[in-house]
Amino acid sequence: MLLNNKKRGGDMNIVKTKKWECRDEIARRFLIDMKSESEDDSHKQIVRELLEETSVYEGYIIDERKIKILRREISRGMGTAFYEGHKEGIGLKTTIVRKEISQKEFAALRQKIKCSLWKMKYRIRCGESKKPMIELCRFYYYDLRGNNNNFWIAKVKFETFRESEKFVVPDWFGREITDDERYDGYNLAKKGLPRKDAAAIRLCENAVM
């Protein structure tokens, strides 16, 4: 895979080969405060600012010591797309490597999945500003313990590290989890939420229905 000619600094960069796409991503992630009863809480924010809605299924395969990600996206008005790939790194800057595959290839690879999760991804505006956009994800999945987990995470992408530092966190965001590997997709699918957060979310889950 050719990964040459990357820009220096924190700028987001996309390098394409014939089949694979390699994308550097700068993003901060936050839990949403499920106990919030303010006018700016997550579900009301979606209604006001919704730009795009996508259903995402992610399955994880252990392949030669690498965690491969199998992904299906169903977007309103855009149809269904299938991908395989992997993610490099944890924290503010990560690298996403993936390629689009056929439904038949997806079905074959799905037999190897060890754990999975499903989420609804909502792309919304950040207040009056056009940038950055917020990806607000509601997760629905059963972990390997049989627990049904249902919670929200907000992901905000940036062009540069400087932009990420200057970002004013909305009041309705909860604790930042950018550097907490327990909230990486594979760890959530395999182990579920950290016990303290899982207990808190189960207690107030009805507040956002």
Foldseek 3Di string as FASTA:
>chain_A
DDDPDDDDAFFWDWDDDPFKIKIKWFKWKFFFDLVDPDCCADVNQCVVFFDWKKKKKWFWACDPNFTKIWMWIQTVVPGIWTKIWHKADAFRIIMTMMGTDDPVVSVVCVVRGDWIWIKMWTWGDDPPDNPDIKTKIWIFGQAPVRDTFTGIMIMTTDRHPVVVVPDDDDPRTHGICRRPCCPPRVNCRHPNHDPVVRVVCVVSVVSND
